């Protein structure tokens, strides 16, 4: 996206717990991630542009 109308950044923390340990894409544990969401126009929906750890 070249020139978004608006940008927000969210820093989130979450915990992964599986009933059967390590049965998913991430092992059990606590994680922190940053999401960038953008709007292309004033009345458009917020879209996830980038995420990273």
PDB file of N, CA and C in Angstrom:
ATOM      1  N   UNK A   1       0.853  -1.168   0.000  1.00  0.00           N
ATOM      2  CA  UNK A   1       0.000   0.000   0.000  1.00  0.00           C
ATOM      3  C   UNK A   1       0.900   1.232   0.000  1.00  0.00           C
ATOM      4  N   UNK A   2       0.732   2.101  -0.977  1.00  0.00           N
ATOM      5  CA  UNK A   2       1.629   3.245  -1.101  1.00  0.00           C
ATOM      6  C   UNK A   2       1.355   4.354  -0.095  1.00  0.00           C
ATOM      7  N   UNK A   3       0.198   4.961  -0.134  1.00  0.00           N
ATOM      8  CA  UNK A   3      -0.111   6.098   0.727  1.00  0.00           C
ATOM      9  C   UNK A   3      -1.426   5.859   1.469  1.00  0.00           C
ATOM     10  N   UNK A   4      -1.374   5.164   2.584  1.00  0.00           N
ATOM     11  CA  UNK A   4      -2.622   4.922   3.308  1.00  0.00           C
ATOM     12  C   UNK A   4      -3.204   6.214   3.861  1.00  0.00           C
ATOM     13  N   UNK A   5      -4.522   6.229   3.985  1.00  0.00           N
ATOM     14  CA  UNK A   5      -5.220   7.385   4.537  1.00  0.00           C
ATOM     15  C   UNK A   5      -4.907   7.527   6.023  1.00  0.00           C
ATOM     16  N   UNK A   6      -4.874   6.401   6.743  1.00  0.00           N
ATOM     17  CA  UNK A   6      -4.657   6.411   8.183  1.00  0.00           C
ATOM     18  C   UNK A   6      -3.952   5.121   8.590  1.00  0.00           C
ATOM     19  N   UNK A   7      -3.130   5.188   9.624  1.00  0.00           N
ATOM     20  CA  UNK A   7      -2.375   4.024  10.101  1.00  0.00           C
ATOM     21  C   UNK A   7      -2.480   3.955  11.619  1.00  0.00           C
ATOM     22  N   UNK A   8      -2.653   2.742  12.148  1.00  0.00           N
ATOM     23  CA  UNK A   8      -2.606   2.501  13.594  1.00  0.00           C
ATOM     24  C   UNK A   8      -1.665   1.336  13.849  1.00  0.00           C
ATOM     25  N   UNK A   9      -1.019   1.363  15.009  1.00  0.00           N
ATOM     26  CA  UNK A   9      -0.106   0.294  15.397  1.00  0.00           C
ATOM     27  C   UNK A   9      -0.592  -0.276  16.720  1.00  0.00           C
ATOM     28  N   UNK A  10      -0.689  -1.609  16.787  1.00  0.00           N
ATOM     29  CA  UNK A  10      -1.095  -2.295  18.005  1.00  0.00           C
ATOM     30  C   UNK A  10       0.008  -3.237  18.444  1.00  0.00           C
ATOM     31  N   UNK A  11       0.406  -3.125  19.694  1.00  0.00           N
ATOM     32  CA  UNK A  11       1.361  -4.062  20.283  1.00  0.00           C
ATOM     33  C   UNK A  11       0.550  -4.982  21.196  1.00  0.00           C
ATOM     34  N   UNK A  12       0.513  -6.260  20.866  1.00  0.00           N
ATOM     35  CA  UNK A  12      -0.333  -7.203  21.598  1.00  0.00           C
ATOM     36  C   UNK A  12       0.511  -8.283  22.251  1.00  0.00           C
ATOM     37  N   UNK A  13       0.030  -8.755  23.385  1.00  0.00           N
ATOM     38  CA  UNK A  13       0.648  -9.879  24.085  1.00  0.00           C
ATOM     39  C   UNK A  13      -0.396 -10.974  24.177  1.00  0.00           C
ATOM     40  N   UNK A  14       0.031 -12.214  23.948  1.00  0.00           N
ATOM     41  CA  UNK A  14      -0.904 -13.329  24.045  1.00  0.00           C
ATOM     42  C   UNK A  14      -0.164 -14.574  24.512  1.00  0.00           C
ATOM     43  N   UNK A  15      -0.936 -15.518  24.996  1.00  0.00           N
ATOM     44  CA  UNK A  15      -0.364 -16.764  25.506  1.00  0.00           C
ATOM     45  C   UNK A  15      -0.976 -17.930  24.760  1.00  0.00           C
ATOM     46  N   UNK A  16      -0.131 -18.873  24.358  1.00  0.00           N
ATOM     47  CA  UNK A  16      -0.570 -20.076  23.662  1.00  0.00           C
ATOM     48  C   UNK A  16      -0.499 -21.246  24.631  1.00  0.00           C
ATOM     49  N   UNK A  17      -1.621 -21.958  24.775  1.00  0.00           N
ATOM     50  CA  UNK A  17      -1.673 -23.157  25.621  1.00  0.00           C
ATOM     51  C   UNK A  17      -2.463 -24.227  24.880  1.00  0.00           C
ATOM     52  N   UNK A  18      -1.834 -25.334  24.597  1.00  0.00           N
ATOM     53  CA  UNK A  18      -2.500 -26.446  23.933  1.00  0.00           C
ATOM     54  C   UNK A  18      -2.807 -27.528  24.960  1.00  0.00           C
ATOM     55  N   UNK A  19      -3.872 -28.275  24.714  1.00  0.00           N
ATOM     56  CA  UNK A  19      -4.180 -29.423  25.581  1.00  0.00           C
ATOM     57  C   UNK A  19      -3.074 -30.467  25.419  1.00  0.00           C
ATOM     58  N   UNK A  20      -2.715 -30.775  24.167  1.00  0.00           N
ATOM     59  CA  UNK A  20      -1.579 -31.661  23.865  1.00  0.00           C
ATOM     60  C   UNK A  20      -0.430 -30.762  23.436  1.00  0.00           C
ATOM     61  N   UNK A  21       0.545 -30.557  24.303  1.00  0.00           N
ATOM     62  CA  UNK A  21       1.636 -29.604  24.059  1.00  0.00           C
ATOM     63  C   UNK A  21       2.207 -29.691  22.646  1.00  0.00           C
ATOM     64  N   UNK A  22       2.492 -28.530  22.092  1.00  0.00           N
ATOM     65  CA  UNK A  22       3.161 -28.384  20.794  1.00  0.00           C
ATOM     66  C   UNK A  22       2.401 -29.036  19.645  1.00  0.00           C
ATOM     67  N   UNK A  23       1.093 -28.902  19.614  1.00  0.00           N
ATOM     68  CA  UNK A  23       0.280 -29.440  18.520  1.00  0.00           C
ATOM     69  C   UNK A  23      -0.198 -28.309  17.613  1.00  0.00           C
ATOM     70  N   UNK A  24       0.600 -27.282  17.454  1.00  0.00           N
ATOM     71  CA  UNK A  24       0.193 -26.156  16.628  1.00  0.00           C
ATOM     72  C   UNK A  24       1.383 -25.470  15.999  1.00  0.00           C
ATOM     73  N   UNK A  25       1.153 -24.330  15.334  1.00  0.00           N
ATOM     74  CA  UNK A  25       2.224 -23.634  14.633  1.00  0.00           C
ATOM     75  C   UNK A  25       3.244 -22.973  15.559  1.00  0.00           C
ATOM     76  N   UNK A  26       2.851 -22.700  16.807  1.00  0.00           N
ATOM     77  CA  UNK A  26       3.766 -22.099  17.782  1.00  0.00           C
ATOM     78  C   UNK A  26       3.789 -22.980  19.024  1.00  0.00           C
ATOM     79  N   UNK A  27       4.926 -23.138  19.653  1.00  0.00           N
ATOM     80  CA  UNK A  27       4.951 -23.882  20.909  1.00  0.00           C
ATOM     81  C   UNK A  27       4.241 -23.110  22.022  1.00  0.00           C
ATOM     82  N   UNK A  28       3.828 -23.802  23.071  1.00  0.00           N
ATOM     83  CA  UNK A  28       3.229 -23.131  24.224  1.00  0.00           C
ATOM     84  C   UNK A  28       4.142 -22.005  24.701  1.00  0.00           C
ATOM     85  N   UNK A  29       3.553 -20.928  25.165  1.00  0.00           N
ATOM     86  CA  UNK A  29       4.339 -19.835  25.706  1.00  0.00           C
ATOM     87  C   UNK A  29       3.666 -18.492  25.524  1.00  0.00           C
ATOM     88  N   UNK A  30       4.345 -17.471  26.018  1.00  0.00           N
ATOM     89  CA  UNK A  30       3.855 -16.099  25.904  1.00  0.00           C
ATOM     90  C   UNK A  30       4.562 -15.429  24.738  1.00  0.00           C
ATOM     91  N   UNK A  31       3.803 -14.632  23.989  1.00  0.00           N
ATOM     92  CA  UNK A  31       4.329 -13.980  22.796  1.00  0.00           C
ATOM     93  C   UNK A  31       3.918 -12.519  22.777  1.00  0.00           C
ATOM     94  N   UNK A  32       4.674 -11.739  22.013  1.00  0.00           N
ATOM     95  CA  UNK A  32       4.368 -10.332  21.794  1.00  0.00           C
ATOM     96  C   UNK A  32       4.480 -10.079  20.296  1.00  0.00           C
ATOM     97  N   UNK A  33       3.540  -9.333  19.751  1.00  0.00           N
ATOM     98  CA  UNK A  33       3.494  -9.109  18.314  1.00  0.00           C
ATOM     99  C   UNK A  33       3.027  -7.674  18.048  1.00  0.00           C
ATOM    100  N   UNK A  34       3.448  -7.114  16.927  1.00  0.00           N
ATOM    101  CA  UNK A  34       3.033  -5.775  16.525  1.00  0.00           C
ATOM    102  C   UNK A  34       2.235  -5.891  15.221  1.00  0.00           C
ATOM    103  N   UNK A  35       1.049  -5.267  15.192  1.00  0.00           N
ATOM    104  CA  UNK A  35       0.200  -5.232  14.010  1.00  0.00           C
ATOM    105  C   UNK A  35       0.096  -3.796  13.517  1.00  0.00           C
ATOM    106  N   UNK A  36       0.250  -3.613  12.217  1.00  0.00           N
ATOM    107  CA  UNK A  36       0.001  -2.320  11.584  1.00  0.00           C
ATOM    108  C   UNK A  36      -1.289  -2.456  10.792  1.00  0.00           C
ATOM    109  N   UNK A  37      -2.265  -1.603  11.088  1.00  0.00           N
ATOM    110  CA  UNK A  37      -3.516  -1.610  10.335  1.00  0.00           C
ATOM    111  C   UNK A  37      -3.653  -0.285   9.605  1.00  0.00           C
ATOM    112  N   UNK A  38      -4.223  -0.344   8.417  1.00  0.00           N
ATOM    113  CA  UNK A  38      -4.318   0.850   7.572  1.00  0.00           C
ATOM    114  C   UNK A  38      -5.706   0.981   6.972  1.00  0.00           C
ATOM    115  N   UNK A  39      -6.048   2.205   6.631  1.00  0.00           N
ATOM    116  CA  UNK A  39      -7.249   2.517   5.850  1.00  0.00           C
ATOM    117  C   UNK A  39      -6.771   3.142   4.554  1.00  0.00           C
ATOM    118  N   UNK A  40      -7.339   2.688   3.453  1.00  0.00           N
ATOM    119  CA  UNK A  40      -6.956   3.259   2.164  1.00  0.00           C
ATOM    120  C   UNK A  40      -7.681   4.572   1.894  1.00  0.00           C
ATOM    121  N   UNK A  41      -8.914   4.687   2.430  1.00  0.00           N
ATOM    122  CA  UNK A  41      -9.711   5.895   2.278  1.00  0.00           C
ATOM    123  C   UNK A  41     -10.422   6.156   3.595  1.00  0.00           C
ATOM    124  N   UNK A  42     -10.997   7.351   3.727  1.00  0.00           N
ATOM    125  CA  UNK A  42     -11.649   7.736   4.976  1.00  0.00           C
ATOM    126  C   UNK A  42     -12.723   6.737   5.420  1.00  0.00           C
ATOM    127  N   UNK A  43     -13.545   6.246   4.509  1.00  0.00           N
ATOM    128  CA  UNK A  43     -14.656   5.367   4.863  1.00  0.00           C
ATOM    129  C   UNK A  43     -14.380   3.891   4.631  1.00  0.00           C
ATOM    130  N   UNK A  44     -13.142   3.521   4.346  1.00  0.00           N
ATOM    131  CA  UNK A  44     -12.837   2.108   4.098  1.00  0.00           C
ATOM    132  C   UNK A  44     -12.617   1.363   5.420  1.00  0.00           C
ATOM    133  N   UNK A  45     -12.612   0.039   5.344  1.00  0.00           N
ATOM    134  CA  UNK A  45     -12.370  -0.801   6.518  1.00  0.00           C
ATOM    135  C   UNK A  45     -10.895  -0.775   6.896  1.00  0.00           C
ATOM    136  N   UNK A  46     -10.628  -1.048   8.187  1.00  0.00           N
ATOM    137  CA  UNK A  46      -9.254  -1.219   8.630  1.00  0.00           C
ATOM    138  C   UNK A  46      -8.758  -2.571   8.126  1.00  0.00           C
ATOM    139  N   UNK A  47      -7.552  -2.602   7.569  1.00  0.00           N
ATOM    140  CA  UNK A  47      -6.947  -3.824   7.055  1.00  0.00           C
ATOM    141  C   UNK A  47      -5.582  -4.038   7.689  1.00  0.00           C
ATOM    142  N   UNK A  48      -5.255  -5.289   8.018  1.00  0.00           N
ATOM    143  CA  UNK A  48      -3.918  -5.590   8.538  1.00  0.00           C
ATOM    144  C   UNK A  48      -2.944  -5.471   7.372  1.00  0.00           C
ATOM    145  N   UNK A  49      -1.950  -4.606   7.525  1.00  0.00           N
ATOM    146  CA  UNK A  49      -0.954  -4.387   6.500  1.00  0.00           C
ATOM    147  C   UNK A  49       0.294  -5.212   6.765  1.00  0.00           C
ATOM    148  N   UNK A  50       0.732  -5.214   8.015  1.00  0.00           N
ATOM    149  CA  UNK A  50       1.966  -5.896   8.389  1.00  0.00           C
ATOM    150  C   UNK A  50       1.845  -6.405   9.809  1.00  0.00           C
ATOM    151  N   UNK A  51       2.493  -7.521  10.099  1.00  0.00           N
ATOM    152  CA  UNK A  51       2.611  -7.967  11.477  1.00  0.00           C
ATOM    153  C   UNK A  51       4.001  -8.525  11.665  1.00  0.00           C
ATOM    154  N   UNK A  52       4.471  -8.443  12.875  1.00  0.00           N
ATOM    155  CA  UNK A  52       5.805  -8.924  13.154  1.00  0.00           C
ATOM    156  C   UNK A  52       6.011  -9.175  14.619  1.00  0.00           C
ATOM    157  N   UNK A  53       7.046  -9.935  14.921  1.00  0.00           N
ATOM    158  CA  UNK A  53       7.355 -10.288  16.307  1.00  0.00           C
ATOM    159  C   UNK A  53       8.529  -9.481  16.795  1.00  0.00           C
TER     160      UNK A  53
END
